[in-house]
PDB file of all heavy atoms in Angstrom:
ATOM      1  N   GLU A   1      81.844  83.718 126.378  1.00  0.00           N
ATOM      2  CA  GLU A   1      81.489  82.292 126.498  1.00  0.00           C
ATOM      3  C   GLU A   1      80.781  81.814 125.182  1.00  0.00           C
ATOM      4  O   GLU A   1      81.028  80.673 124.782  1.00  0.00           O
ATOM      5  CB  GLU A   1      80.393  82.115 127.625  1.00  0.00           C
ATOM      6  CG  GLU A   1      81.078  82.357 129.014  1.00  0.00           C
ATOM      7  CD  GLU A   1      82.190  81.337 129.363  1.00  0.00           C
ATOM      8  OE1 GLU A   1      82.014  80.166 129.201  1.00  0.00           O
ATOM      9  OE2 GLU A   1      83.245  81.807 129.640  1.00  0.00           O
ATOM     10  N   CYS A   2      79.990  82.656 124.513  1.00  0.00           N
ATOM     11  CA  CYS A   2      79.313  82.242 123.234  1.00  0.00           C
ATOM     12  C   CYS A   2      80.309  82.063 122.167  1.00  0.00           C
ATOM     13  O   CYS A   2      80.043  81.169 121.293  1.00  0.00           O
ATOM     14  CB  CYS A   2      78.317  83.329 122.902  1.00  0.00           C
ATOM     15  SG  CYS A   2      76.757  83.370 123.852  1.00  0.00           S
ATOM     16  N   LEU A   3      81.393  82.801 122.085  1.00  0.00           N
ATOM     17  CA  LEU A   3      82.417  82.741 121.065  1.00  0.00           C
ATOM     18  C   LEU A   3      83.264  81.508 121.200  1.00  0.00           C
ATOM     19  O   LEU A   3      83.826  81.067 120.163  1.00  0.00           O
ATOM     20  CB  LEU A   3      83.160  84.030 121.001  1.00  0.00           C
ATOM     21  CG  LEU A   3      82.363  85.292 120.619  1.00  0.00           C
ATOM     22  CD1 LEU A   3      83.205  86.500 120.894  1.00  0.00           C
ATOM     23  CD2 LEU A   3      82.006  85.254 119.114  1.00  0.00           C
ATOM     24  N   GLU A   4      83.394  80.947 122.360  1.00  0.00           N
ATOM     25  CA  GLU A   4      84.394  79.942 122.570  1.00  0.00           C
ATOM     26  C   GLU A   4      84.044  78.673 121.689  1.00  0.00           C
ATOM     27  O   GLU A   4      84.954  78.121 121.154  1.00  0.00           O
ATOM     28  CB  GLU A   4      84.539  79.522 124.059  1.00  0.00           C
ATOM     29  CG  GLU A   4      85.516  80.450 124.698  1.00  0.00           C
ATOM     30  CD  GLU A   4      86.030  79.879 126.024  1.00  0.00           C
ATOM     31  OE1 GLU A   4      85.509  78.978 126.555  1.00  0.00           O
ATOM     32  OE2 GLU A   4      86.950  80.506 126.490  1.00  0.00           O
ATOM     33  N   PRO A   5      82.844  78.207 121.559  1.00  0.00           N
ATOM     34  CA  PRO A   5      82.527  76.989 120.822  1.00  0.00           C
ATOM     35  C   PRO A   5      82.915  77.256 119.273  1.00  0.00           C
ATOM     36  O   PRO A   5      83.366  76.306 118.657  1.00  0.00           O
ATOM     37  CB  PRO A   5      81.052  76.813 121.035  1.00  0.00           C
ATOM     38  CG  PRO A   5      80.701  77.388 122.203  1.00  0.00           C
ATOM     39  CD  PRO A   5      81.580  78.612 122.313  1.00  0.00           C
ATOM     40  N   ALA A   6      82.750  78.435 118.884  1.00  0.00           N
ATOM     41  CA  ALA A   6      83.144  78.720 117.415  1.00  0.00           C
ATOM     42  C   ALA A   6      84.561  78.674 117.257  1.00  0.00           C
ATOM     43  O   ALA A   6      85.171  78.121 116.304  1.00  0.00           O
ATOM     44  CB  ALA A   6      82.563  80.156 116.997  1.00  0.00           C
ATOM     45  N   TRP A   7      85.368  79.203 118.227  1.00  0.00           N
ATOM     46  CA  TRP A   7      86.769  79.149 118.143  1.00  0.00           C
ATOM     47  C   TRP A   7      87.314  77.707 118.249  1.00  0.00           C
ATOM     48  O   TRP A   7      88.152  77.329 117.447  1.00  0.00           O
ATOM     49  CB  TRP A   7      87.318  79.985 119.352  1.00  0.00           C
ATOM     50  CG  TRP A   7      88.850  79.798 119.604  1.00  0.00           C
ATOM     51  CD1 TRP A   7      89.819  80.068 118.759  1.00  0.00           C
ATOM     52  CD2 TRP A   7      89.472  79.261 120.789  1.00  0.00           C
ATOM     53  NE1 TRP A   7      91.074  79.752 119.319  1.00  0.00           N
ATOM     54  CE2 TRP A   7      90.870  79.286 120.539  1.00  0.00           C
ATOM     55  CE3 TRP A   7      88.856  78.799 122.078  1.00  0.00           C
ATOM     56  CZ2 TRP A   7      91.764  78.789 121.608  1.00  0.00           C
ATOM     57  CZ3 TRP A   7      89.743  78.354 122.996  1.00  0.00           C
ATOM     58  CH2 TRP A   7      91.117  78.335 122.739  1.00  0.00           C
ATOM     59  N   MET A   8      86.769  76.914 119.200  1.00  0.00           N
ATOM     60  CA  MET A   8      87.303  75.581 119.433  1.00  0.00           C
ATOM     61  C   MET A   8      86.737  74.615 118.276  1.00  0.00           C
ATOM     62  O   MET A   8      87.162  73.642 118.135  1.00  0.00           O
ATOM     63  CB  MET A   8      86.854  75.038 120.758  1.00  0.00           C
ATOM     64  CG  MET A   8      87.656  75.659 121.840  1.00  0.00           C
ATOM     65  SD  MET A   8      87.308  74.833 123.453  1.00  0.00           S
ATOM     66  CE  MET A   8      85.870  75.829 123.990  1.00  0.00           C
ATOM     67  N   GLY A   9      85.726  75.113 117.535  1.00  0.00           N
ATOM     68  CA  GLY A   9      85.109  74.233 116.641  1.00  0.00           C
ATOM     69  C   GLY A   9      85.664  74.305 115.200  1.00  0.00           C
ATOM     70  O   GLY A   9      85.145  73.565 114.323  1.00  0.00           O
ATOM     71  N   THR A  10      86.688  75.086 114.919  1.00  0.00           N
ATOM     72  CA  THR A  10      87.257  75.109 113.634  1.00  0.00           C
ATOM     73  C   THR A  10      88.764  74.788 113.714  1.00  0.00           C
ATOM     74  O   THR A  10      89.408  75.113 114.652  1.00  0.00           O
ATOM     75  CB  THR A  10      87.046  76.494 112.954  1.00  0.00           C
ATOM     76  OG1 THR A  10      87.604  76.384 111.687  1.00  0.00           O
ATOM     77  CG2 THR A  10      87.723  77.585 113.746  1.00  0.00           C
ATOM     78  N   ALA A  11      89.195  74.123 112.618  1.00  0.00           N
ATOM     79  CA  ALA A  11      90.675  73.786 112.463  1.00  0.00           C
ATOM     80  C   ALA A  11      91.342  74.804 111.568  1.00  0.00           C
ATOM     81  O   ALA A  11      92.542  74.758 111.562  1.00  0.00           O
ATOM     82  CB  ALA A  11      90.832  72.363 111.978  1.00  0.00           C
ATOM     83  N   ASP A  12      90.546  75.696 110.973  1.00  0.00           N
ATOM     84  CA  ASP A  12      91.156  76.727 110.109  1.00  0.00           C
ATOM     85  C   ASP A  12      91.913  77.794 110.953  1.00  0.00           C
ATOM     86  O   ASP A  12      91.386  78.418 111.811  1.00  0.00           O
ATOM     87  CB  ASP A  12      90.101  77.426 109.295  1.00  0.00           C
ATOM     88  CG  ASP A  12      90.608  78.441 108.396  1.00  0.00           C
ATOM     89  OD1 ASP A  12      91.122  78.132 107.310  1.00  0.00           O
ATOM     90  OD2 ASP A  12      90.552  79.633 108.820  1.00  0.00           O
ATOM     91  N   PRO A  13      93.231  77.823 110.773  1.00  0.00           N
ATOM     92  CA  PRO A  13      94.001  78.806 111.494  1.00  0.00           C
ATOM     93  C   PRO A  13      93.609  80.214 111.505  1.00  0.00           C
ATOM     94  O   PRO A  13      93.633  80.930 112.474  1.00  0.00           O
ATOM     95  CB  PRO A  13      95.496  78.717 110.904  1.00  0.00           C
ATOM     96  CG  PRO A  13      95.457  77.376 110.211  1.00  0.00           C
ATOM     97  CD  PRO A  13      94.007  77.158 109.719  1.00  0.00           C
ATOM     98  N   GLY A  14      93.219  80.667 110.292  1.00  0.00           N
ATOM     99  CA  GLY A  14      92.714  82.093 110.122  1.00  0.00           C
ATOM    100  C   GLY A  14      91.403  82.355 110.848  1.00  0.00           C
ATOM    101  O   GLY A  14      91.270  83.309 111.608  1.00  0.00           O
ATOM    102  N   GLU A  15      90.530  81.435 110.800  1.00  0.00           N
ATOM    103  CA  GLU A  15      89.193  81.551 111.457  1.00  0.00           C
ATOM    104  C   GLU A  15      89.451  81.460 112.929  1.00  0.00           C
ATOM    105  O   GLU A  15      88.872  82.264 113.777  1.00  0.00           O
ATOM    106  CB  GLU A  15      88.290  80.419 111.089  1.00  0.00           C
ATOM    107  CG  GLU A  15      86.825  80.638 111.558  1.00  0.00           C
ATOM    108  CD  GLU A  15      85.918  79.497 111.010  1.00  0.00           C
ATOM    109  OE1 GLU A  15      86.229  78.850 110.023  1.00  0.00           O
ATOM    110  OE2 GLU A  15      84.825  79.395 111.569  1.00  0.00           O
ATOM    111  N   ARG A  16      90.302  80.588 113.441  1.00  0.00           N
ATOM    112  CA  ARG A  16      90.620  80.419 114.867  1.00  0.00           C
ATOM    113  C   ARG A  16      91.221  81.790 115.399  1.00  0.00           C
ATOM    114  O   ARG A  16      90.846  82.207 116.469  1.00  0.00           O
ATOM    115  CB  ARG A  16      91.586  79.282 115.158  1.00  0.00           C
ATOM    116  CG  ARG A  16      90.911  77.912 115.127  1.00  0.00           C
ATOM    117  CD  ARG A  16      91.897  76.827 115.423  1.00  0.00           C
ATOM    118  NE  ARG A  16      92.208  76.686 116.779  1.00  0.00           N
ATOM    119  CZ  ARG A  16      91.619  76.009 117.761  1.00  0.00           C
ATOM    120  NH1 ARG A  16      90.533  75.442 117.409  1.00  0.00           N
ATOM    121  NH2 ARG A  16      92.007  76.076 118.960  1.00  0.00           N
ATOM    122  N   ALA A  17      92.203  82.205 114.668  1.00  0.00           N
ATOM    123  CA  ALA A  17      92.782  83.513 115.136  1.00  0.00           C
ATOM    124  C   ALA A  17      91.810  84.647 115.251  1.00  0.00           C
ATOM    125  O   ALA A  17      91.810  85.462 116.148  1.00  0.00           O
ATOM    126  CB  ALA A  17      93.994  83.810 114.160  1.00  0.00           C
ATOM    127  N   PHE A  18      90.967  84.722 114.223  1.00  0.00           N
ATOM    128  CA  PHE A  18      89.917  85.793 114.142  1.00  0.00           C
ATOM    129  C   PHE A  18      88.984  85.721 115.383  1.00  0.00           C
ATOM    130  O   PHE A  18      88.736  86.732 116.061  1.00  0.00           O
ATOM    131  CB  PHE A  18      89.167  85.851 112.877  1.00  0.00           C
ATOM    132  CG  PHE A  18      88.097  86.809 112.741  1.00  0.00           C
ATOM    133  CD1 PHE A  18      88.283  88.161 112.695  1.00  0.00           C
ATOM    134  CD2 PHE A  18      86.736  86.445 112.812  1.00  0.00           C
ATOM    135  CE1 PHE A  18      87.340  89.103 112.727  1.00  0.00           C
ATOM    136  CE2 PHE A  18      85.650  87.333 112.713  1.00  0.00           C
ATOM    137  CZ  PHE A  18      85.999  88.732 112.702  1.00  0.00           C
ATOM    138  N   ILE A  19      88.396  84.527 115.599  1.00  0.00           N
ATOM    139  CA  ILE A  19      87.489  84.405 116.627  1.00  0.00           C
ATOM    140  C   ILE A  19      88.134  84.503 118.020  1.00  0.00           C
ATOM    141  O   ILE A  19      87.571  85.167 118.893  1.00  0.00           O
ATOM    142  CB  ILE A  19      86.708  82.960 116.581  1.00  0.00           C
ATOM    143  CG1 ILE A  19      85.920  83.018 115.304  1.00  0.00           C
ATOM    144  CG2 ILE A  19      85.860  82.787 117.729  1.00  0.00           C
ATOM    145  CD1 ILE A  19      85.346  81.609 114.984  1.00  0.00           C
ATOM    146  N   GLN A  20      89.361  84.032 118.069  1.00  0.00           N
ATOM    147  CA  GLN A  20      90.083  84.200 119.429  1.00  0.00           C
ATOM    148  C   GLN A  20      90.356  85.654 119.656  1.00  0.00           C
ATOM    149  O   GLN A  20      90.297  86.237 120.780  1.00  0.00           O
ATOM    150  CB  GLN A  20      91.312  83.363 119.493  1.00  0.00           C
ATOM    151  CG  GLN A  20      91.965  83.300 120.904  1.00  0.00           C
ATOM    152  CD  GLN A  20      93.064  82.328 121.043  1.00  0.00           C
ATOM    153  OE1 GLN A  20      93.695  82.121 120.060  1.00  0.00           O
ATOM    154  NE2 GLN A  20      93.285  81.894 122.173  1.00  0.00           N
ATOM    155  N   GLY A  21      90.692  86.503 118.590  1.00  0.00           N
ATOM    156  CA  GLY A  21      90.906  87.941 118.685  1.00  0.00           C
ATOM    157  C   GLY A  21      89.539  88.597 119.283  1.00  0.00           C
ATOM    158  O   GLY A  21      89.688  89.425 120.171  1.00  0.00           O
ATOM    159  N   LEU A  22      88.390  88.130 118.766  1.00  0.00           N
ATOM    160  CA  LEU A  22      87.153  88.700 119.293  1.00  0.00           C
ATOM    161  C   LEU A  22      86.955  88.305 120.768  1.00  0.00           C
ATOM    162  O   LEU A  22      86.470  89.118 121.506  1.00  0.00           O
ATOM    163  CB  LEU A  22      85.973  88.118 118.431  1.00  0.00           C
ATOM    164  CG  LEU A  22      85.883  88.594 116.969  1.00  0.00           C
ATOM    165  CD1 LEU A  22      84.701  87.993 116.255  1.00  0.00           C
ATOM    166  CD2 LEU A  22      85.842  90.074 116.923  1.00  0.00           C
ATOM    167  N   ILE A  23      87.320  87.035 121.122  1.00  0.00           N
ATOM    168  CA  ILE A  23      87.186  86.618 122.517  1.00  0.00           C
ATOM    169  C   ILE A  23      88.057  87.564 123.368  1.00  0.00           C
ATOM    170  O   ILE A  23      87.643  87.971 124.520  1.00  0.00           O
ATOM    171  CB  ILE A  23      87.595  85.161 122.598  1.00  0.00           C
ATOM    172  CG1 ILE A  23      86.537  84.260 121.921  1.00  0.00           C
ATOM    173  CG2 ILE A  23      87.836  84.706 124.071  1.00  0.00           C
ATOM    174  CD1 ILE A  23      86.928  82.850 121.835  1.00  0.00           C
ATOM    175  N   LYS A  24      89.207  87.792 122.943  1.00  0.00           N
ATOM    176  CA  LYS A  24      90.134  88.738 123.772  1.00  0.00           C
ATOM    177  C   LYS A  24      89.562  90.019 123.860  1.00  0.00           C
ATOM    178  O   LYS A  24      89.695  90.751 124.926  1.00  0.00           O
ATOM    179  CB  LYS A  24      91.582  88.780 123.104  1.00  0.00           C
ATOM    180  CG  LYS A  24      92.277  87.443 123.174  1.00  0.00           C
ATOM    181  CD  LYS A  24      92.768  87.160 124.612  1.00  0.00           C
ATOM    182  CE  LYS A  24      93.732  85.978 124.738  1.00  0.00           C
ATOM    183  NZ  LYS A  24      94.115  85.846 126.071  1.00  0.00           N
ATOM    184  N   LEU A  25      88.958  90.555 122.847  1.00  0.00           N
ATOM    185  CA  LEU A  25      88.196  91.929 122.962  1.00  0.00           C
ATOM    186  C   LEU A  25      87.181  91.861 123.983  1.00  0.00           C
ATOM    187  O   LEU A  25      87.010  92.792 124.801  1.00  0.00           O
ATOM    188  CB  LEU A  25      87.680  92.330 121.635  1.00  0.00           C
ATOM    189  CG  LEU A  25      88.630  92.728 120.510  1.00  0.00           C
ATOM    190  CD1 LEU A  25      87.812  92.985 119.179  1.00  0.00           C
ATOM    191  CD2 LEU A  25      89.483  93.905 120.864  1.00  0.00           C
ATOM    192  N   ALA A  26      86.360  90.897 124.007  1.00  0.00           N
ATOM    193  CA  ALA A  26      85.321  90.744 125.009  1.00  0.00           C
ATOM    194  C   ALA A  26      85.954  90.577 126.340  1.00  0.00           C
ATOM    195  O   ALA A  26      85.441  91.262 127.399  1.00  0.00           O
ATOM    196  CB  ALA A  26      84.364  89.468 124.736  1.00  0.00           C
ATOM    197  N   ALA A  27      87.025  89.862 126.599  1.00  0.00           N
ATOM    198  CA  ALA A  27      87.669  89.769 127.811  1.00  0.00           C
ATOM    199  C   ALA A  27      88.265  91.141 128.254  1.00  0.00           C
ATOM    200  O   ALA A  27      88.147  91.423 129.508  1.00  0.00           O
ATOM    201  CB  ALA A  27      88.843  88.732 127.757  1.00  0.00           C
ATOM    202  N   ALA A  28      88.680  91.946 127.352  1.00  0.00           N
ATOM    203  CA  ALA A  28      89.188  93.239 127.693  1.00  0.00           C
ATOM    204  C   ALA A  28      88.135  94.135 128.278  1.00  0.00           C
ATOM    205  O   ALA A  28      88.280  94.741 129.265  1.00  0.00           O
ATOM    206  CB  ALA A  28      89.795  93.934 126.407  1.00  0.00           C
ATOM    207  N   ASP A  29      86.892  94.012 127.748  1.00  0.00           N
ATOM    208  CA  ASP A  29      85.685  94.710 128.273  1.00  0.00           C
ATOM    209  C   ASP A  29      85.402  94.159 129.601  1.00  0.00           C
ATOM    210  O   ASP A  29      84.944  94.977 130.480  1.00  0.00           O
ATOM    211  CB  ASP A  29      84.615  94.639 127.346  1.00  0.00           C
ATOM    212  CG  ASP A  29      84.715  95.673 126.197  1.00  0.00           C
ATOM    213  OD1 ASP A  29      84.830  96.856 126.564  1.00  0.00           O
ATOM    214  OD2 ASP A  29      84.559  95.343 125.087  1.00  0.00           O
ATOM    215  N   VAL A  30      85.421  92.843 129.889  1.00  0.00           N
ATOM    216  CA  VAL A  30      85.106  92.273 131.169  1.00  0.00           C
ATOM    217  C   VAL A  30      86.042  92.920 132.203  1.00  0.00           C
ATOM    218  O   VAL A  30      85.633  93.350 133.218  1.00  0.00           O
ATOM    219  CB  VAL A  30      85.221  90.751 131.185  1.00  0.00           C
ATOM    220  CG1 VAL A  30      85.233  90.203 132.612  1.00  0.00           C
ATOM    221  CG2 VAL A  30      84.190  90.208 130.257  1.00  0.00           C
ATOM    222  N   HIS A  31      87.308  93.054 131.954  1.00  0.00           N
ATOM    223  CA  HIS A  31      88.287  93.605 132.788  1.00  0.00           C
ATOM    224  C   HIS A  31      88.038  95.074 132.987  1.00  0.00           C
ATOM    225  O   HIS A  31      88.272  95.664 134.092  1.00  0.00           O
ATOM    226  CB  HIS A  31      89.696  93.382 132.351  1.00  0.00           C
ATOM    227  CG  HIS A  31      90.143  91.961 132.606  1.00  0.00           C
ATOM    228  ND1 HIS A  31      90.472  91.440 133.807  1.00  0.00           N
ATOM    229  CD2 HIS A  31      90.335  90.803 131.704  1.00  0.00           C
ATOM    230  CE1 HIS A  31      90.882  90.206 133.768  1.00  0.00           C
ATOM    231  NE2 HIS A  31      90.665  89.887 132.442  1.00  0.00           N
ATOM    232  N   ALA A  32      87.634  95.714 131.943  1.00  0.00           N
ATOM    233  CA  ALA A  32      87.346  97.204 132.055  1.00  0.00           C
ATOM    234  C   ALA A  32      86.256  97.455 133.049  1.00  0.00           C
ATOM    235  O   ALA A  32      86.233  98.357 133.882  1.00  0.00           O
ATOM    236  CB  ALA A  32      86.984  97.832 130.653  1.00  0.00           C
ATOM    237  N   VAL A  33      85.111  96.621 132.892  1.00  0.00           N
ATOM    238  CA  VAL A  33      84.022  96.751 133.794  1.00  0.00           C
ATOM    239  C   VAL A  33      84.420  96.489 135.277  1.00  0.00           C
ATOM    240  O   VAL A  33      83.931  97.159 136.139  1.00  0.00           O
ATOM    241  CB  VAL A  33      82.864  95.663 133.353  1.00  0.00           C
ATOM    242  CG1 VAL A  33      81.759  95.630 134.433  1.00  0.00           C
ATOM    243  CG2 VAL A  33      82.333  96.181 131.950  1.00  0.00           C
TER     244      VAL A  33
END
């Protein structure tokens, strides 16, 4: 949830991809739990 504003807040494709990758990692841990 904290990472989403950073992802949605940039138009830079590299930055968006990087932050969304981190969001997906966090989501993987949510599913693991």
